[in-house]
Amino acid sequence: MSSFTHESMINAHGLSLLAQIRETLHIWRQRYLQRRELARWTDRELHDVGLSWSDVVREAEKPFWRA
């Protein structure tokens, strides 16, 4: 599972190094939090969006820096 916000799609050429680092850290934190949340979903919620527990495990095991 990967979701991108508008901010994560900004062209990095226009950002300062500090802004790029801040944006990267923000994206990594969002991925971490989203994967933790996904791991808490019930069978019903997973079924509603067409995911299985194997999908959840595969996504939850990814390191935060991988999309």
N, C-alpha and C. Protein backbone atom coordinates (compact mmCIF):
# COMPACT_ATOMS: atom_id res chain seq x y z
N MET A 1 0.85 -1.17 0.00
CA MET A 1 0.00 0.00 0.00
C MET A 1 0.89 1.22 0.00
N SER A 2 0.61 2.08 -0.91
CA SER A 2 1.40 3.31 -0.96
C SER A 2 0.49 4.44 -1.38
N SER A 3 0.49 5.47 -0.61
CA SER A 3 -0.30 6.63 -1.01
C SER A 3 0.59 7.85 -0.98
N PHE A 4 0.44 8.66 -1.98
CA PHE A 4 1.25 9.85 -2.10
C PHE A 4 0.38 11.07 -1.95
N THR A 5 0.86 12.02 -1.20
CA THR A 5 0.16 13.29 -1.09
C THR A 5 0.74 14.23 -2.13
N HIS A 6 0.07 15.32 -2.33
CA HIS A 6 0.57 16.31 -3.28
C HIS A 6 1.98 16.75 -2.89
N GLU A 7 2.22 16.90 -1.60
CA GLU A 7 3.52 17.36 -1.13
C GLU A 7 4.63 16.37 -1.49
N SER A 8 4.31 15.08 -1.51
CA SER A 8 5.34 14.10 -1.80
C SER A 8 5.67 14.04 -3.29
N MET A 9 4.87 14.69 -4.11
CA MET A 9 5.09 14.67 -5.55
C MET A 9 5.77 15.96 -6.05
N ILE A 10 6.13 16.84 -5.14
CA ILE A 10 6.76 18.11 -5.52
C ILE A 10 8.10 17.86 -6.17
N ASN A 11 8.41 18.63 -7.19
CA ASN A 11 9.68 18.54 -7.87
C ASN A 11 10.78 18.99 -6.91
N ALA A 12 11.72 18.11 -6.61
CA ALA A 12 12.76 18.37 -5.62
C ALA A 12 13.75 19.44 -6.08
N HIS A 13 13.79 19.75 -7.35
CA HIS A 13 14.76 20.74 -7.85
C HIS A 13 14.52 22.12 -7.26
N GLY A 14 13.29 22.42 -6.91
CA GLY A 14 12.97 23.74 -6.38
C GLY A 14 13.10 23.85 -4.87
N LEU A 15 13.43 22.75 -4.21
CA LEU A 15 13.50 22.76 -2.76
C LEU A 15 14.93 22.86 -2.27
N SER A 16 15.11 23.51 -1.15
CA SER A 16 16.43 23.56 -0.53
C SER A 16 16.74 22.18 0.03
N LEU A 17 17.99 21.94 0.35
CA LEU A 17 18.39 20.66 0.91
C LEU A 17 17.63 20.38 2.20
N LEU A 18 17.50 21.37 3.05
CA LEU A 18 16.78 21.19 4.30
C LEU A 18 15.31 20.85 4.04
N ALA A 19 14.70 21.51 3.09
CA ALA A 19 13.30 21.24 2.75
C ALA A 19 13.16 19.82 2.17
N GLN A 20 14.12 19.38 1.38
CA GLN A 20 14.08 18.03 0.83
C GLN A 20 14.19 16.99 1.94
N ILE A 21 15.07 17.24 2.89
CA ILE A 21 15.23 16.32 4.02
C ILE A 21 13.95 16.28 4.85
N ARG A 22 13.40 17.44 5.13
CA ARG A 22 12.16 17.52 5.90
C ARG A 22 11.03 16.78 5.18
N GLU A 23 10.91 16.96 3.88
CA GLU A 23 9.88 16.30 3.10
C GLU A 23 10.07 14.78 3.11
N THR A 24 11.31 14.33 2.95
CA THR A 24 11.60 12.89 2.98
C THR A 24 11.24 12.29 4.33
N LEU A 25 11.61 12.97 5.41
CA LEU A 25 11.27 12.48 6.75
C LEU A 25 9.76 12.43 6.96
N HIS A 26 9.06 13.42 6.43
CA HIS A 26 7.60 13.44 6.52
C HIS A 26 6.99 12.24 5.79
N ILE A 27 7.45 11.97 4.60
CA ILE A 27 6.95 10.85 3.80
C ILE A 27 7.23 9.53 4.53
N TRP A 28 8.44 9.38 5.06
CA TRP A 28 8.80 8.15 5.77
C TRP A 28 7.89 7.95 6.98
N ARG A 29 7.63 9.02 7.72
CA ARG A 29 6.77 8.91 8.91
C ARG A 29 5.34 8.54 8.51
N GLN A 30 4.85 9.14 7.43
CA GLN A 30 3.50 8.82 6.95
C GLN A 30 3.41 7.34 6.56
N ARG A 31 4.41 6.83 5.87
CA ARG A 31 4.40 5.41 5.49
C ARG A 31 4.38 4.52 6.72
N TYR A 32 5.22 4.85 7.70
CA TYR A 32 5.27 4.09 8.94
C TYR A 32 3.91 4.07 9.63
N LEU A 33 3.30 5.22 9.76
CA LEU A 33 2.01 5.32 10.44
C LEU A 33 0.90 4.61 9.66
N GLN A 34 0.91 4.75 8.34
CA GLN A 34 -0.11 4.10 7.52
C GLN A 34 0.01 2.59 7.59
N ARG A 35 1.22 2.09 7.58
CA ARG A 35 1.41 0.64 7.66
C ARG A 35 1.02 0.10 9.03
N ARG A 36 1.30 0.85 10.08
CA ARG A 36 0.86 0.44 11.42
C ARG A 36 -0.65 0.40 11.50
N GLU A 37 -1.29 1.41 10.93
CA GLU A 37 -2.76 1.47 10.93
C GLU A 37 -3.34 0.29 10.14
N LEU A 38 -2.79 0.02 8.99
CA LEU A 38 -3.26 -1.10 8.17
C LEU A 38 -3.18 -2.41 8.93
N ALA A 39 -2.14 -2.61 9.70
CA ALA A 39 -1.96 -3.84 10.46
C ALA A 39 -3.04 -4.01 11.53
N ARG A 40 -3.74 -2.93 11.90
CA ARG A 40 -4.79 -2.99 12.91
C ARG A 40 -6.19 -3.23 12.33
N TRP A 41 -6.31 -3.21 11.02
CA TRP A 41 -7.62 -3.36 10.40
C TRP A 41 -8.21 -4.73 10.70
N THR A 42 -9.52 -4.77 10.76
CA THR A 42 -10.23 -6.03 10.99
C THR A 42 -10.39 -6.78 9.67
N ASP A 43 -10.78 -8.04 9.80
CA ASP A 43 -11.05 -8.84 8.59
C ASP A 43 -12.10 -8.17 7.72
N ARG A 44 -13.11 -7.62 8.35
CA ARG A 44 -14.19 -6.95 7.61
C ARG A 44 -13.66 -5.75 6.82
N GLU A 45 -12.86 -4.92 7.46
CA GLU A 45 -12.30 -3.75 6.78
C GLU A 45 -11.41 -4.16 5.61
N LEU A 46 -10.60 -5.18 5.82
CA LEU A 46 -9.73 -5.67 4.74
C LEU A 46 -10.57 -6.21 3.58
N HIS A 47 -11.61 -6.95 3.91
CA HIS A 47 -12.49 -7.50 2.87
C HIS A 47 -13.15 -6.38 2.08
N ASP A 48 -13.57 -5.32 2.79
CA ASP A 48 -14.25 -4.20 2.13
C ASP A 48 -13.37 -3.52 1.07
N VAL A 49 -12.06 -3.50 1.30
CA VAL A 49 -11.17 -2.85 0.33
C VAL A 49 -10.42 -3.85 -0.55
N GLY A 50 -10.76 -5.15 -0.39
CA GLY A 50 -10.18 -6.17 -1.26
C GLY A 50 -8.76 -6.57 -0.92
N LEU A 51 -8.41 -6.51 0.36
CA LEU A 51 -7.08 -6.93 0.79
C LEU A 51 -7.16 -8.19 1.63
N SER A 52 -6.08 -8.96 1.61
CA SER A 52 -5.99 -10.15 2.45
C SER A 52 -4.91 -9.90 3.51
N TRP A 53 -4.87 -10.82 4.48
CA TRP A 53 -3.83 -10.69 5.50
C TRP A 53 -2.44 -10.82 4.91
N SER A 54 -2.30 -11.61 3.85
CA SER A 54 -0.98 -11.73 3.22
C SER A 54 -0.58 -10.39 2.58
N ASP A 55 -1.54 -9.65 2.05
CA ASP A 55 -1.26 -8.31 1.53
C ASP A 55 -0.77 -7.40 2.65
N VAL A 56 -1.44 -7.49 3.78
CA VAL A 56 -1.09 -6.65 4.93
C VAL A 56 0.31 -6.99 5.43
N VAL A 57 0.58 -8.27 5.57
CA VAL A 57 1.91 -8.69 6.06
C VAL A 57 2.99 -8.21 5.11
N ARG A 58 2.77 -8.38 3.82
CA ARG A 58 3.77 -7.96 2.82
C ARG A 58 4.02 -6.45 2.93
N GLU A 59 2.96 -5.68 3.08
CA GLU A 59 3.11 -4.22 3.18
C GLU A 59 3.73 -3.82 4.52
N ALA A 60 3.28 -4.43 5.60
CA ALA A 60 3.75 -4.06 6.93
C ALA A 60 5.23 -4.41 7.14
N GLU A 61 5.72 -5.40 6.43
CA GLU A 61 7.12 -5.79 6.59
C GLU A 61 8.09 -4.91 5.81
N LYS A 62 7.56 -4.07 4.94
CA LYS A 62 8.44 -3.17 4.19
C LYS A 62 9.06 -2.15 5.13
N PRO A 63 10.32 -1.82 4.91
CA PRO A 63 10.90 -0.73 5.70
C PRO A 63 10.27 0.60 5.28
N PHE A 64 10.25 1.55 6.20
CA PHE A 64 9.57 2.83 5.95
C PHE A 64 10.12 3.59 4.75
N TRP A 65 11.34 3.33 4.36
CA TRP A 65 11.93 4.09 3.25
C TRP A 65 11.54 3.51 1.89
N ARG A 66 10.88 2.34 1.87
CA ARG A 66 10.44 1.75 0.62
C ARG A 66 8.98 2.06 0.35
N ALA A 67 8.70 2.51 -0.85
CA ALA A 67 7.31 2.81 -1.23
C ALA A 67 6.57 1.54 -1.55
